[in-house]
């Protein structure tokens, strides 16, 4: 079973399918990425999304709402999933995502995003892949769900030659 971690944005073996191992998936394979979200990340995301909820910017508002401190936008945290997939499979098309927000994520916490291939189906020289998705902090699930992505032809070619 394959398990890979992305510890930084620039991982040379993952670009352009330069590694045979990076170009295909099998059911059960898991890909991971770790990230710490900063105040700047939250500010930049709010500019793009127009989500200026005070829970993300004002500690007192967050505490009054029952949280420990300012929150990271849930959708910003969930953006780890397409990042993980596209980092391993350039040209992948993200088709769908379901999400369940389980616990809050606070600025400065380390979050580990994980996608696990649960179903792979070949369609016209591409692979339609269903992923189980989850983000964790200190081992606890903060977000989970499922995603579907279409992986480009090299993923299919490699899978066919290894079968």
Protein backbone atom coordinates (compact mmCIF):
# COMPACT_ATOMS: atom_id res chain seq x y z
CA UNK A 1 0.00 0.00 0.00
CA UNK A 2 1.29 3.43 -0.94
CA UNK A 3 1.42 6.29 1.55
CA UNK A 4 2.99 9.62 0.59
CA UNK A 5 3.46 12.84 2.53
CA UNK A 6 3.87 16.32 1.06
CA UNK A 7 5.87 18.28 3.58
CA UNK A 8 6.50 21.29 1.37
CA UNK A 9 5.03 22.86 -1.73
CA UNK A 10 7.99 21.92 -3.96
CA UNK A 11 8.44 18.16 -4.14
CA UNK A 12 10.36 17.44 -7.38
CA UNK A 13 9.34 13.79 -7.79
CA UNK A 14 5.68 14.78 -7.97
CA UNK A 15 5.91 17.12 -10.95
CA UNK A 16 4.99 15.95 -14.43
CA UNK A 17 4.91 12.28 -13.47
CA UNK A 18 8.71 12.19 -13.29
CA UNK A 19 8.42 9.21 -10.97
CA UNK A 20 6.52 6.08 -11.97
CA UNK A 21 5.33 5.71 -8.38
CA UNK A 22 3.89 9.24 -8.44
CA UNK A 23 1.82 8.64 -11.56
CA UNK A 24 -0.75 6.06 -10.49
CA UNK A 25 -2.92 5.02 -7.60
CA UNK A 26 -4.32 1.76 -6.33
CA UNK A 27 -7.34 1.33 -4.09
CA UNK A 28 -6.23 1.86 -0.49
CA UNK A 29 -3.39 4.24 -1.35
CA UNK A 30 -3.22 7.29 0.92
CA UNK A 31 -1.74 10.72 0.18
CA UNK A 32 -1.10 13.33 2.90
CA UNK A 33 -0.19 16.98 3.34
CA UNK A 34 0.55 18.88 6.54
CA UNK A 35 -0.10 22.61 6.89
CA UNK A 36 -0.25 25.31 9.55
CA UNK A 37 -2.76 28.05 8.68
CA UNK A 38 -1.70 31.60 9.55
CA UNK A 39 -3.52 34.88 10.15
CA UNK A 40 -2.31 35.95 6.70
CA UNK A 41 -3.87 32.83 5.12
CA UNK A 42 -7.21 33.66 6.79
CA UNK A 43 -7.02 37.30 5.65
CA UNK A 44 -6.18 36.38 2.04
CA UNK A 45 -8.93 33.75 1.92
CA UNK A 46 -11.48 36.23 3.26
CA UNK A 47 -10.54 38.69 0.49
CA UNK A 48 -11.20 36.09 -2.20
CA UNK A 49 -14.29 34.53 -0.61
CA UNK A 50 -15.76 37.76 0.81
CA UNK A 51 -16.32 35.87 4.08
CA UNK A 52 -15.55 38.48 6.73
CA UNK A 53 -17.28 36.72 9.61
CA UNK A 54 -15.84 38.19 12.85
CA UNK A 55 -15.20 34.65 14.14
CA UNK A 56 -12.18 34.62 11.82
CA UNK A 57 -10.79 38.03 12.82
CA UNK A 58 -11.83 38.92 16.36
CA UNK A 59 -10.80 36.74 19.29
CA UNK A 60 -13.47 38.21 21.56
CA UNK A 61 -16.25 37.46 19.06
CA UNK A 62 -14.96 33.92 18.70
CA UNK A 63 -14.85 33.39 22.47
CA UNK A 64 -18.34 34.88 22.88
CA UNK A 65 -19.56 32.30 20.36
CA UNK A 66 -18.03 29.47 22.41
CA UNK A 67 -14.70 29.00 20.61
CA UNK A 68 -11.20 29.19 22.09
CA UNK A 69 -9.96 31.78 19.62
CA UNK A 70 -10.21 32.93 15.99
CA UNK A 71 -11.19 30.24 13.50
CA UNK A 72 -9.70 29.25 10.17
CA UNK A 73 -12.39 29.14 7.46
CA UNK A 74 -13.57 25.55 7.07
CA UNK A 75 -13.45 25.76 3.28
CA UNK A 76 -9.83 26.98 3.46
CA UNK A 77 -8.93 23.88 5.45
CA UNK A 78 -10.89 21.69 3.00
CA UNK A 79 -8.82 23.16 0.16
CA UNK A 80 -6.09 20.75 1.27
CA UNK A 81 -7.90 17.93 -0.54
CA UNK A 82 -7.65 19.23 -4.14
CA UNK A 83 -4.11 20.46 -3.32
CA UNK A 84 -3.05 16.95 -2.35
CA UNK A 85 -4.60 15.38 -5.45
CA UNK A 86 -3.32 17.97 -7.94
CA UNK A 87 0.17 17.87 -6.42
CA UNK A 88 0.40 14.17 -7.21
CA UNK A 89 -1.60 14.25 -10.46
CA UNK A 90 -1.11 17.50 -12.42
CA UNK A 91 -4.08 17.97 -14.72
CA UNK A 92 -6.51 16.16 -12.40
CA UNK A 93 -10.08 17.46 -12.57
CA UNK A 94 -11.79 17.80 -9.19
CA UNK A 95 -15.38 16.68 -9.80
CA UNK A 96 -17.13 16.68 -6.42
CA UNK A 97 -16.64 16.94 -2.68
CA UNK A 98 -18.84 16.28 0.36
CA UNK A 99 -17.74 17.72 3.69
CA UNK A 100 -18.60 17.31 7.35
CA UNK A 101 -17.10 19.89 9.71
CA UNK A 102 -16.45 18.08 13.01
CA UNK A 103 -14.20 20.37 15.07
CA UNK A 104 -12.96 23.96 14.81
CA UNK A 105 -9.53 24.76 13.42
CA UNK A 106 -7.67 27.63 15.06
CA UNK A 107 -4.97 29.80 13.52
CA UNK A 108 -1.54 28.29 14.16
CA UNK A 109 -2.65 24.67 14.53
CA UNK A 110 -0.98 21.99 12.45
CA UNK A 111 -3.53 20.23 10.23
CA UNK A 112 -2.86 17.01 8.33
CA UNK A 113 -4.99 16.50 5.23
CA UNK A 114 -5.38 12.97 3.92
CA UNK A 115 -7.01 11.43 0.86
CA UNK A 116 -7.43 7.68 0.42
CA UNK A 117 -8.38 6.11 -2.91
CA UNK A 118 -11.45 3.96 -2.26
CA UNK A 119 -12.59 3.24 -5.82
CA UNK A 120 -10.82 3.58 -9.17
CA UNK A 121 -12.71 3.22 -12.44
CA UNK A 122 -11.20 3.60 -15.91
CA UNK A 123 -13.20 5.72 -18.35
CA UNK A 124 -12.00 6.64 -21.84
CA UNK A 125 -8.26 6.81 -21.17
CA UNK A 126 -8.78 8.44 -17.75
CA UNK A 127 -9.44 7.27 -14.21
CA UNK A 128 -12.42 8.36 -12.16
CA UNK A 129 -11.24 8.06 -8.56
CA UNK A 130 -13.33 8.23 -5.41
CA UNK A 131 -11.41 9.38 -2.33
CA UNK A 132 -12.19 9.23 1.36
CA UNK A 133 -11.05 12.64 2.69
CA UNK A 134 -10.14 13.76 6.20
CA UNK A 135 -8.25 16.49 8.00
CA UNK A 136 -6.81 15.91 11.46
CA UNK A 137 -5.40 17.97 14.31
CA UNK A 138 -3.61 16.09 17.07
CA UNK A 139 -5.12 12.87 15.71
CA UNK A 140 -8.74 14.11 15.91
CA UNK A 141 -10.85 14.48 12.77
CA UNK A 142 -11.76 18.10 12.07
CA UNK A 143 -13.23 17.60 8.57
CA UNK A 144 -14.16 14.44 6.69
CA UNK A 145 -16.05 13.49 3.56
CA UNK A 146 -15.59 12.12 0.06
CA UNK A 147 -14.20 13.51 -3.18
CA UNK A 148 -14.23 12.45 -6.82
CA UNK A 149 -11.52 13.37 -9.30
CA UNK A 150 -10.69 12.49 -12.87
CA UNK A 151 -7.01 11.65 -13.19
CA UNK A 152 -5.24 12.17 -16.52
CA UNK A 153 -4.10 9.50 -18.98
CA UNK A 154 -0.64 8.74 -17.46
CA UNK A 155 -2.36 7.38 -14.33
CA UNK A 156 -4.35 4.97 -16.52
CA UNK A 157 -1.36 3.93 -18.63
CA UNK A 158 0.75 3.12 -15.57
CA UNK A 159 -2.10 1.22 -13.91
CA UNK A 160 -2.65 -0.85 -17.06
CA UNK A 161 1.03 -1.78 -17.45
CA UNK A 162 1.32 -2.92 -13.84
CA UNK A 163 -1.81 -5.10 -13.91
